[in-house]
N, C-alpha and C. Protein backbone atom coordinates (compact mmCIF):
# COMPACT_ATOMS: atom_id res chain seq x y z
N MET A 1 -50.34 213.77 -6.51
CA MET A 1 -50.31 212.12 -7.02
C MET A 1 -49.70 211.29 -5.73
N ASN A 2 -50.92 210.25 -6.05
CA ASN A 2 -50.87 209.34 -4.89
C ASN A 2 -49.84 208.51 -4.67
N ALA A 3 -49.35 208.12 -3.59
CA ALA A 3 -47.79 207.87 -3.39
C ALA A 3 -48.19 206.01 -3.57
N PRO A 4 -47.01 205.56 -4.11
CA PRO A 4 -47.23 203.96 -4.35
C PRO A 4 -48.07 202.58 -3.39
N THR A 5 -48.75 202.31 -3.70
CA THR A 5 -49.41 201.22 -2.37
C THR A 5 -48.43 200.43 -2.22
N THR A 6 -48.23 199.89 -1.39
CA THR A 6 -47.25 198.64 -0.97
C THR A 6 -48.13 197.78 -0.75
N LEU A 7 -47.13 196.98 -1.72
CA LEU A 7 -48.33 195.11 -1.32
C LEU A 7 -47.59 194.37 -0.25
N ARG A 8 -48.78 193.86 0.41
CA ARG A 8 -48.53 193.02 1.49
C ARG A 8 -48.80 191.57 1.21
N GLY A 9 -48.40 190.63 2.21
CA GLY A 9 -49.14 189.71 2.46
C GLY A 9 -48.72 188.64 1.19
N TYR A 10 -50.31 187.84 0.80
CA TYR A 10 -50.05 186.98 -0.95
C TYR A 10 -50.03 187.92 -1.88
N ALA A 11 -50.26 189.35 -1.96
CA ALA A 11 -50.12 190.06 -3.18
C ALA A 11 -48.97 190.54 -3.35
N ALA A 12 -47.91 190.16 -2.48
CA ALA A 12 -46.66 190.58 -2.76
C ALA A 12 -45.98 189.42 -3.01
N SER A 13 -46.09 188.77 -2.43
CA SER A 13 -45.63 186.55 -3.27
C SER A 13 -45.61 186.88 -4.52
N ILE A 14 -47.50 187.07 -4.85
CA ILE A 14 -48.10 186.95 -6.40
C ILE A 14 -47.26 187.83 -7.39
N ALA A 15 -47.49 188.69 -6.93
CA ALA A 15 -46.76 189.91 -7.68
C ALA A 15 -45.02 189.49 -8.15
N GLN A 16 -44.21 189.40 -7.14
CA GLN A 16 -42.90 188.71 -7.67
C GLN A 16 -43.11 187.39 -8.67
N ALA A 17 -43.98 186.93 -8.62
CA ALA A 17 -44.20 185.35 -9.54
C ALA A 17 -44.37 185.42 -10.46
N ILE A 18 -45.39 186.70 -10.50
CA ILE A 18 -45.96 186.80 -11.57
C ILE A 18 -45.23 188.41 -12.48
N GLY A 19 -44.86 189.68 -11.82
CA GLY A 19 -44.30 190.23 -12.38
C GLY A 19 -45.48 191.49 -12.77
N THR A 20 -46.72 191.38 -12.02
CA THR A 20 -47.25 192.54 -12.00
C THR A 20 -47.64 193.04 -10.80
N THR A 21 -48.07 194.31 -10.48
CA THR A 21 -48.87 194.77 -9.45
C THR A 21 -49.84 195.32 -9.73
N ASP A 22 -50.40 194.94 -10.45
CA ASP A 22 -52.23 195.86 -10.90
C ASP A 22 -52.88 194.86 -10.27
N ALA A 23 -53.75 195.32 -9.04
CA ALA A 23 -54.44 195.14 -7.90
C ALA A 23 -55.57 193.93 -8.10
N LYS A 24 -55.93 194.16 -9.59
CA LYS A 24 -57.22 193.40 -10.12
C LYS A 24 -56.61 192.49 -10.23
N THR A 25 -55.57 192.65 -11.10
CA THR A 25 -55.14 191.13 -11.44
C THR A 25 -54.50 190.32 -10.46
N LEU A 26 -54.06 191.11 -9.22
CA LEU A 26 -53.54 190.06 -8.29
C LEU A 26 -54.66 189.50 -7.30
N ALA A 27 -55.63 190.73 -7.55
CA ALA A 27 -56.85 189.40 -6.43
C ALA A 27 -57.29 188.56 -7.55
N GLU A 28 -57.59 188.28 -8.39
CA GLU A 28 -57.91 187.76 -9.70
C GLU A 28 -56.91 186.14 -9.06
N VAL A 29 -56.23 186.56 -9.39
CA VAL A 29 -55.01 185.44 -9.61
C VAL A 29 -54.96 184.51 -8.10
N GLU A 30 -55.14 185.42 -7.24
CA GLU A 30 -55.23 184.62 -5.61
C GLU A 30 -56.08 184.03 -5.22
N ASP A 31 -57.44 184.54 -6.26
CA ASP A 31 -58.61 183.81 -5.65
C ASP A 31 -58.93 182.64 -6.76
N THR A 32 -58.05 182.76 -7.84
CA THR A 32 -58.00 181.53 -8.82
C THR A 32 -56.96 180.74 -8.34
N MET A 33 -55.92 180.51 -7.53
CA MET A 33 -55.08 179.87 -6.52
C MET A 33 -55.75 179.45 -5.64
N ARG A 34 -56.86 179.87 -4.86
CA ARG A 34 -57.24 179.49 -3.78
C ARG A 34 -58.38 178.40 -4.14
N HIS A 35 -59.46 178.66 -5.17
CA HIS A 35 -60.38 178.02 -5.81
C HIS A 35 -60.01 176.90 -6.79
N VAL A 36 -59.49 176.96 -8.05
CA VAL A 36 -58.64 176.27 -8.97
C VAL A 36 -58.04 175.70 -8.72
N ILE A 37 -56.82 176.00 -8.42
CA ILE A 37 -55.08 175.52 -8.04
C ILE A 37 -55.42 174.48 -7.11
N PHE A 38 -55.46 174.65 -6.34
CA PHE A 38 -55.30 174.37 -4.63
C PHE A 38 -56.03 173.98 -3.90
N HIS A 39 -57.22 174.79 -4.34
CA HIS A 39 -58.96 174.12 -3.77
C HIS A 39 -58.41 174.22 -2.15
N SER A 40 -58.10 175.26 -1.67
CA SER A 40 -57.78 175.18 -0.17
C SER A 40 -56.97 176.83 -0.13
N THR A 41 -56.19 176.68 1.35
CA THR A 41 -55.55 178.52 1.77
C THR A 41 -54.55 178.18 1.05
N LEU A 42 -53.59 178.66 1.01
CA LEU A 42 -52.77 179.49 0.57
C LEU A 42 -51.27 179.01 1.60
N ASP A 43 -51.45 179.00 2.93
CA ASP A 43 -50.38 179.13 3.92
C ASP A 43 -49.93 177.73 3.91
N TRP A 44 -50.20 176.74 3.09
CA TRP A 44 -49.17 175.42 3.34
C TRP A 44 -48.23 174.85 2.37
N GLN A 45 -48.50 176.18 1.01
CA GLN A 45 -47.82 175.78 0.17
C GLN A 45 -46.36 176.05 0.39
N SER A 46 -45.05 175.10 -0.20
CA SER A 46 -43.89 175.79 -0.28
C SER A 46 -43.69 177.08 -1.11
N ALA A 47 -42.15 177.63 -1.08
CA ALA A 47 -42.29 178.65 -1.85
C ALA A 47 -42.40 178.44 -3.14
N LYS A 48 -41.70 177.13 -3.65
CA LYS A 48 -41.67 176.41 -5.12
C LYS A 48 -43.25 176.30 -5.62
N GLU A 49 -44.27 175.73 -4.94
CA GLU A 49 -45.60 175.03 -5.51
C GLU A 49 -46.44 176.23 -5.59
N PHE A 50 -46.26 177.81 -4.11
CA PHE A 50 -46.74 178.99 -4.24
C PHE A 50 -46.40 179.44 -5.44
N LYS A 51 -44.96 180.09 -6.14
CA LYS A 51 -44.85 180.09 -7.44
C LYS A 51 -45.31 180.03 -8.45
N ARG A 52 -45.47 178.21 -8.72
CA ARG A 52 -46.03 177.44 -9.49
C ARG A 52 -47.47 178.07 -9.82
N GLY A 53 -48.06 177.58 -8.84
CA GLY A 53 -49.47 178.04 -8.68
C GLY A 53 -49.82 179.57 -9.08
N ALA A 54 -49.35 180.34 -8.67
CA ALA A 54 -49.64 181.81 -9.32
C ALA A 54 -49.28 181.78 -10.72
N ARG A 55 -48.38 180.99 -11.32
CA ARG A 55 -48.28 181.53 -12.58
C ARG A 55 -48.88 180.69 -13.36
N LYS A 56 -49.20 179.74 -12.96
CA LYS A 56 -50.58 178.64 -13.28
C LYS A 56 -51.87 179.53 -13.46
N ALA A 57 -51.98 180.54 -11.87
CA ALA A 57 -53.25 180.86 -11.90
C ALA A 57 -53.82 181.50 -12.92
N PHE A 58 -52.24 182.55 -12.85
CA PHE A 58 -52.20 183.62 -14.13
C PHE A 58 -51.97 183.58 -15.13
N GLY A 59 -51.89 182.31 -15.85
CA GLY A 59 -52.11 181.66 -17.20
C GLY A 59 -53.85 181.66 -17.66
N LEU A 60 -54.85 181.34 -16.91
CA LEU A 60 -55.88 180.94 -16.28
C LEU A 60 -56.64 182.58 -16.26
N VAL A 61 -56.49 183.18 -15.54
CA VAL A 61 -56.76 184.40 -15.55
C VAL A 61 -56.55 184.71 -16.98
N LYS A 62 -55.44 184.91 -17.40
CA LYS A 62 -54.77 185.80 -19.07
C LYS A 62 -56.06 184.72 -19.75
N LEU A 63 -56.61 183.71 -19.61
CA LEU A 63 -56.99 182.77 -20.85
C LEU A 63 -58.53 183.05 -20.50
N LYS A 64 -58.93 183.37 -19.53
CA LYS A 64 -59.93 184.04 -19.23
C LYS A 64 -60.51 185.45 -19.93
N ARG A 65 -59.27 186.22 -20.02
CA ARG A 65 -59.29 187.65 -20.36
C ARG A 65 -59.53 187.05 -21.96
N ARG A 66 -58.77 186.64 -22.15
CA ARG A 66 -58.60 186.53 -23.72
C ARG A 66 -59.72 186.76 -24.78
N GLY A 67 -60.84 186.16 -24.46
CA GLY A 67 -61.60 186.23 -25.18
C GLY A 67 -62.30 184.46 -26.08
N GLY A 68 -63.01 184.26 -27.18
CA GLY A 68 -62.79 183.45 -27.76
C GLY A 68 -62.60 183.01 -29.06
N SER A 69 -61.56 183.87 -29.52
CA SER A 69 -61.20 183.81 -30.71
C SER A 69 -60.79 182.56 -30.74
N VAL A 70 -60.78 181.99 -32.32
CA VAL A 70 -60.13 180.63 -32.58
C VAL A 70 -59.08 180.57 -33.67
N PHE A 71 -58.39 181.79 -33.57
CA PHE A 71 -57.27 181.98 -34.01
C PHE A 71 -56.40 182.49 -33.19
N MET A 72 -54.97 182.08 -33.62
CA MET A 72 -53.94 182.43 -32.48
C MET A 72 -53.79 184.29 -32.44
N LEU A 73 -53.81 184.74 -31.06
CA LEU A 73 -53.21 185.99 -29.87
C LEU A 73 -52.03 186.00 -29.97
N PRO A 74 -51.55 186.98 -29.87
CA PRO A 74 -49.98 187.62 -29.77
C PRO A 74 -49.90 186.82 -28.22
N ASP A 75 -50.46 187.12 -26.99
CA ASP A 75 -50.65 187.09 -25.73
C ASP A 75 -50.33 185.21 -25.75
N ASP A 76 -51.19 184.14 -26.98
CA ASP A 76 -51.26 182.90 -26.28
C ASP A 76 -50.12 181.96 -26.31
N ARG A 77 -48.90 182.51 -26.59
CA ARG A 77 -47.50 181.94 -26.27
C ARG A 77 -46.91 181.96 -24.78
N GLU A 78 -47.53 183.23 -24.57
CA GLU A 78 -47.39 183.34 -22.68
C GLU A 78 -47.92 182.52 -21.92
N ILE A 79 -49.39 182.26 -22.23
CA ILE A 79 -50.65 181.60 -21.58
C ILE A 79 -50.21 180.51 -21.90
N ALA A 80 -50.00 179.66 -22.78
CA ALA A 80 -49.38 178.51 -23.26
C ALA A 80 -48.54 178.46 -22.32
N ARG A 81 -47.29 179.08 -22.04
CA ARG A 81 -46.29 178.82 -21.05
C ARG A 81 -46.50 178.91 -19.61
N LEU A 82 -47.12 179.52 -19.07
CA LEU A 82 -47.76 179.89 -17.99
C LEU A 82 -48.60 178.15 -18.10
N LEU A 83 -49.65 177.56 -18.59
CA LEU A 83 -49.81 176.62 -18.58
C LEU A 83 -49.48 175.32 -18.53
N GLY A 84 -48.11 175.47 -19.13
CA GLY A 84 -47.50 174.23 -19.41
C GLY A 84 -48.49 173.34 -20.46
N ILE A 85 -48.96 174.19 -21.77
CA ILE A 85 -49.68 173.27 -22.96
C ILE A 85 -48.77 174.22 -24.39
N ASP A 86 -49.12 173.16 -25.17
CA ASP A 86 -49.22 173.60 -26.46
C ASP A 86 -50.15 175.02 -26.62
N ALA A 87 -48.87 175.81 -27.35
CA ALA A 87 -49.46 177.44 -28.07
C ALA A 87 -50.89 177.32 -29.23
N ASP A 88 -50.48 175.80 -29.31
CA ASP A 88 -51.75 175.43 -30.07
C ASP A 88 -53.07 175.51 -29.50
N ALA A 89 -52.85 175.05 -28.94
CA ALA A 89 -53.94 174.31 -27.89
C ALA A 89 -55.06 175.64 -27.05
N VAL A 90 -54.12 176.84 -27.46
CA VAL A 90 -54.80 177.64 -26.83
C VAL A 90 -55.93 178.12 -27.16
N PRO A 91 -56.21 178.64 -28.34
CA PRO A 91 -57.46 179.27 -29.16
C PRO A 91 -59.10 178.24 -29.20
N ALA A 92 -58.71 176.84 -29.06
CA ALA A 92 -59.92 175.56 -28.81
C ALA A 92 -59.85 175.97 -27.42
N LEU A 93 -59.07 176.09 -26.48
CA LEU A 93 -59.47 176.43 -24.89
C LEU A 93 -59.95 177.43 -24.56
N ALA A 94 -59.97 178.60 -24.99
CA ALA A 94 -60.07 179.53 -24.73
C ALA A 94 -61.64 179.98 -25.36
N LYS A 95 -61.70 179.47 -26.52
CA LYS A 95 -62.85 179.14 -26.44
C LYS A 95 -64.41 178.21 -25.87
N GLU A 96 -63.43 177.67 -25.14
CA GLU A 96 -64.34 176.52 -23.97
C GLU A 96 -64.71 177.22 -23.21
N ALA A 97 -63.46 178.30 -22.82
CA ALA A 97 -63.71 178.66 -21.28
C ALA A 97 -64.71 179.43 -21.22
N GLN A 98 -65.43 180.45 -22.51
CA GLN A 98 -66.01 181.16 -22.53
C GLN A 98 -67.83 180.86 -22.29
């Protein structure tokens, strides 16, 4: 059995903010933070801004993975909370994102 990987740098901070240690998800969230949320490097963010940005990026990653169903899905309320939008808006937003 392989020893668990120790997260370092931004991955560790992102994992703490969003509650997952999945390497693929952490990489997608970091990329979204850099290119969509902040349009920059991450080192100039305050701890509060970084955490908020990680959660918003996680919401966008989950929205992208959700698919374009026009019906409410079980994760839609969490996606809405992460993005700071009304849950009823998630299906239409997801459809547009496809």
